Protein backbone atom coordinates (compact mmCIF):
# COMPACT_ATOMS: atom_id res chain seq x y z
CA UNK A 1 0.00 0.00 0.00
CA UNK A 2 1.22 3.48 -0.85
CA UNK A 3 -0.49 6.70 0.27
CA UNK A 4 0.60 10.06 -1.13
CA UNK A 5 -0.58 13.65 -0.83
CA UNK A 6 0.27 16.30 -3.38
CA UNK A 7 -0.58 19.97 -3.05
CA UNK A 8 -0.98 22.63 -5.73
CA UNK A 9 -1.41 26.26 -4.72
CA UNK A 10 -3.81 28.04 -7.09
CA UNK A 11 -3.63 31.43 -5.39
CA UNK A 12 -2.93 32.82 -1.92
CA UNK A 13 -6.21 31.41 -0.58
CA UNK A 14 -6.71 28.21 -2.61
CA UNK A 15 -4.77 24.97 -2.50
CA UNK A 16 -5.77 21.70 -4.12
CA UNK A 17 -4.80 18.46 -2.41
CA UNK A 18 -4.74 15.24 -4.38
CA UNK A 19 -4.88 12.12 -2.22
CA UNK A 20 -3.50 9.04 -4.01
CA UNK A 21 -3.82 5.58 -2.52
CA UNK A 22 -2.42 2.58 -4.35
CA UNK A 23 -2.94 -0.88 -2.92
CA UNK A 24 -3.04 -4.51 -3.92
CA UNK A 25 -4.60 -7.21 -1.80
CA UNK A 26 -2.66 -10.45 -1.37
CA UNK A 27 -4.01 -13.94 -2.12
CA UNK A 28 -4.09 -13.82 -5.91
CA UNK A 29 -7.53 -14.02 -7.45
CA UNK A 30 -9.22 -13.95 -4.03
CA UNK A 31 -7.42 -10.69 -3.18
CA UNK A 32 -8.38 -9.26 -6.59
CA UNK A 33 -12.05 -10.09 -5.90
CA UNK A 34 -11.83 -8.55 -2.41
CA UNK A 35 -10.32 -5.38 -3.90
CA UNK A 36 -13.18 -4.99 -6.37
CA UNK A 37 -16.01 -5.92 -4.00
CA UNK A 38 -14.91 -4.45 -0.65
CA UNK A 39 -11.57 -2.67 -0.42
CA UNK A 40 -11.94 -0.11 -3.21
CA UNK A 41 -15.32 1.10 -1.91
CA UNK A 42 -14.14 1.08 1.72
CA UNK A 43 -10.88 2.93 1.04
CA UNK A 44 -12.60 5.54 -1.15
CA UNK A 45 -15.17 6.24 1.60
CA UNK A 46 -12.39 6.35 4.20
CA UNK A 47 -10.33 8.90 2.23
CA UNK A 48 -13.36 11.03 1.38
CA UNK A 49 -14.44 11.22 5.03
CA UNK A 50 -10.92 12.02 6.31
CA UNK A 51 -10.47 14.65 3.62
CA UNK A 52 -13.77 16.30 4.55
CA UNK A 53 -12.53 16.66 8.14
CA UNK A 54 -9.24 18.13 6.90
CA UNK A 55 -11.14 20.61 4.73
CA UNK A 56 -13.28 21.61 7.72
CA UNK A 57 -10.22 22.12 9.92
CA UNK A 58 -8.28 24.09 7.30
CA UNK A 59 -11.23 26.31 6.38
CA UNK A 60 -12.05 27.01 10.03
CA UNK A 61 -9.26 29.58 10.22
CA UNK A 62 -7.15 27.92 12.89
CA UNK A 63 -3.45 28.39 12.26
CA UNK A 64 -2.42 25.25 14.13
CA UNK A 65 -5.49 23.08 14.65
CA UNK A 66 -5.41 20.38 17.28
CA UNK A 67 -6.18 17.08 15.64
CA UNK A 68 -6.62 14.11 17.90
CA UNK A 69 -9.91 12.50 16.83
CA UNK A 70 -8.92 9.11 15.40
CA UNK A 71 -12.40 8.71 13.91
CA UNK A 72 -12.18 12.13 12.29
CA UNK A 73 -12.81 12.62 8.64
CA UNK A 74 -10.71 14.63 6.05
CA UNK A 75 -11.71 16.19 1.34
CA UNK A 76 -10.09 18.65 -0.72
CA UNK A 77 -10.12 16.81 -4.00
CA UNK A 78 -9.99 13.12 -4.80
CA UNK A 79 -9.24 11.77 -8.24
CA UNK A 80 -10.59 8.29 -8.80
CA UNK A 81 -8.95 6.15 -11.47
CA UNK A 82 -10.91 3.08 -12.49
């Protein structure tokens, strides 16, 4: 599994974050089936919810927000490649 964030500043108030997650389940064909049926949907929902929380924190105006909610959610922009 590989998880990357990239940031592009559009202007002094706007930054786009691209969240890229690459993963491959083990167990050959069974892992491939699990990826398509469960993991892809789960991981997409996970990233979208965490990114929404990040967006909320960043747009709230705090310079150094405290972040300690492990169930918290974070969404700036997610590109989905099928």
